Amino acid sequence: MAGRQVFNPEGFKNIEKDGRTVGYEFQFKAQYYRGVTLSIVRDIKVTVDGNQEPGESLRFTVNGETFTLDEMSTVVDSDYRWEFGEFATVSVLRDGGLAPGSHHIAAYQKIVPSYMPFPMEMTNETDFEI
């Protein structure tokens, strides 16, 4: 059985603002069998080319709204869900973004449903081009 595609191959790009590159972003799917409210997404970690990004530089966008990791833990509004099969955008604030060329990403997600006796922790990796 083939695994489902976690990363959007078209979702990797640098972020431009006011003529400056202020970071990069990618899109990936929740590795859980159903949609989740943002409050149960307890952690996301991003490592590119062997360098882990600081958590405070990460932003998570779903349903047109953007949150820090700390803000996600307090979102109880069911309008802000990461639905099964839906790509969420993770933005990493980093001056200059990523250099053009090939890169390797490892993206970790920790989802903690209240009805599960253990957290769901997954790391997915892929190579991509900027």
Protein backbone atom coordinates (compact mmCIF):
# COMPACT_ATOMS: atom_id res chain seq x y z
CA MET A 1 0.00 0.00 0.00
CA ALA A 2 1.48 3.37 -0.98
CA GLY A 3 1.76 6.07 1.68
CA ARG A 4 -0.20 9.25 1.16
CA GLN A 5 1.63 12.40 0.17
CA VAL A 6 2.28 14.51 3.27
CA PHE A 7 4.03 17.52 1.71
CA ASN A 8 2.64 19.65 -1.09
CA PRO A 9 5.44 19.64 -3.69
CA GLU A 10 4.21 23.05 -4.90
CA GLY A 11 4.11 24.48 -1.35
CA PHE A 12 7.82 25.13 -0.77
CA LYS A 13 8.81 28.76 -1.33
CA ASN A 14 10.48 31.80 0.16
CA ILE A 15 8.29 34.53 1.67
CA GLU A 16 8.67 38.01 0.20
CA LYS A 17 7.49 41.13 2.04
CA ASP A 18 8.16 44.71 0.95
CA GLY A 19 10.83 43.53 -1.48
CA ARG A 20 12.69 41.51 1.16
CA THR A 21 12.87 37.77 1.76
CA VAL A 22 11.67 37.34 5.35
CA GLY A 23 11.41 33.55 5.58
CA TYR A 24 10.14 30.44 3.86
CA GLU A 25 7.06 28.26 3.96
CA PHE A 26 5.85 24.78 3.19
CA GLN A 27 2.57 22.91 3.26
CA PHE A 28 1.86 19.56 4.87
CA LYS A 29 -0.97 17.38 6.13
CA ALA A 30 -1.83 16.20 9.62
CA GLN A 31 -0.72 12.64 10.20
CA TYR A 32 -3.91 11.64 11.94
CA TYR A 33 -6.95 9.77 10.70
CA ARG A 34 -9.39 12.65 11.22
CA GLY A 35 -9.52 16.44 11.40
CA VAL A 36 -8.33 18.08 14.60
CA THR A 37 -8.90 21.33 16.45
CA LEU A 38 -5.74 23.40 16.71
CA SER A 39 -5.64 23.11 20.50
CA ILE A 40 -4.64 19.45 20.31
CA VAL A 41 -1.70 20.13 18.00
CA ARG A 42 0.88 20.37 20.79
CA ASP A 43 4.06 20.82 18.81
CA ILE A 44 5.54 21.32 15.38
CA LYS A 45 9.27 21.22 14.75
CA VAL A 46 11.00 22.06 11.50
CA THR A 47 14.52 21.00 10.59
CA VAL A 48 15.94 22.04 7.22
CA ASP A 49 19.36 20.87 6.06
CA GLY A 50 20.10 19.61 9.58
CA ASN A 51 19.26 22.90 11.34
CA GLN A 52 16.23 22.98 13.63
CA GLU A 53 14.29 26.23 13.47
CA PRO A 54 13.38 27.94 16.77
CA GLY A 55 9.74 27.35 17.71
CA GLU A 56 9.09 31.07 18.13
CA SER A 57 9.89 31.61 14.44
CA LEU A 58 7.12 29.24 13.28
CA ARG A 59 3.65 30.32 12.15
CA PHE A 60 0.80 27.94 11.34
CA THR A 61 -1.93 28.91 8.86
CA VAL A 62 -5.21 27.05 8.37
CA ASN A 63 -8.63 28.33 7.23
CA GLY A 64 -7.03 31.68 6.33
CA GLU A 65 -5.88 32.43 9.89
CA THR A 66 -2.30 32.39 11.17
CA PHE A 67 -1.20 31.40 14.68
CA THR A 68 2.01 30.99 16.67
CA LEU A 69 2.50 27.60 18.32
CA ASP A 70 1.57 29.12 21.69
CA GLU A 71 -1.62 30.62 20.24
CA MET A 72 -2.63 27.28 18.72
CA SER A 73 -2.82 25.67 22.15
CA THR A 74 -5.53 28.16 23.18
CA VAL A 75 -7.73 27.94 20.06
CA VAL A 76 -10.94 26.18 21.00
CA ASP A 77 -13.08 27.65 18.23
CA SER A 78 -14.12 24.76 16.00
CA ASP A 79 -13.88 27.06 12.96
CA TYR A 80 -10.11 26.59 13.13
CA ARG A 81 -9.56 22.95 12.34
CA TRP A 82 -6.85 21.10 10.49
CA GLU A 83 -9.06 18.79 8.48
CA PHE A 84 -7.96 15.36 7.32
CA GLY A 85 -6.34 15.60 3.90
CA GLU A 86 -6.03 19.41 4.06
CA PHE A 87 -2.66 21.10 3.63
CA ALA A 88 -1.75 23.58 6.37
CA THR A 89 0.95 26.17 5.73
CA VAL A 90 3.89 26.44 8.08
CA SER A 91 5.86 29.67 7.75
CA VAL A 92 9.35 30.05 9.17
CA LEU A 93 10.48 33.60 9.85
CA ARG A 94 14.14 33.72 8.87
CA ASP A 95 15.92 36.71 7.32
CA GLY A 96 16.88 35.82 3.75
CA GLY A 97 14.75 32.66 3.67
CA LEU A 98 16.42 29.68 2.00
CA ALA A 99 19.07 29.83 -0.69
CA PRO A 100 17.97 28.73 -4.16
CA GLY A 101 18.59 25.03 -4.76
CA SER A 102 17.98 21.67 -3.10
CA HIS A 103 17.08 21.30 0.58
CA HIS A 104 16.02 18.52 2.95
CA ILE A 105 13.20 18.98 5.45
CA ALA A 106 12.13 16.98 8.48
CA ALA A 107 8.79 18.19 9.87
CA TYR A 108 7.60 16.84 13.21
CA GLN A 109 4.06 17.08 14.53
CA LYS A 110 2.65 16.07 17.90
CA ILE A 111 -1.12 15.69 18.17
CA VAL A 112 -2.71 14.86 21.53
CA PRO A 113 -6.39 13.86 21.30
CA SER A 114 -8.04 13.76 24.74
CA TYR A 115 -9.46 10.28 24.11
CA MET A 116 -6.10 8.68 23.27
CA PRO A 117 -3.87 7.31 26.04
CA PHE A 118 -0.74 8.53 24.24
CA PRO A 119 0.29 11.39 21.92
CA MET A 120 0.56 10.85 18.18
CA GLU A 121 4.07 11.88 17.13
CA MET A 122 5.24 11.76 13.52
CA THR A 123 8.21 13.05 11.57
CA ASN A 124 8.08 13.23 7.80
CA GLU A 125 11.02 14.03 5.54
CA THR A 126 11.49 14.98 1.93
CA ASP A 127 13.82 16.79 -0.43
CA PHE A 128 12.62 19.94 -2.17
CA GLU A 129 13.74 22.83 -4.38
CA ILE A 130 13.48 26.57 -3.78
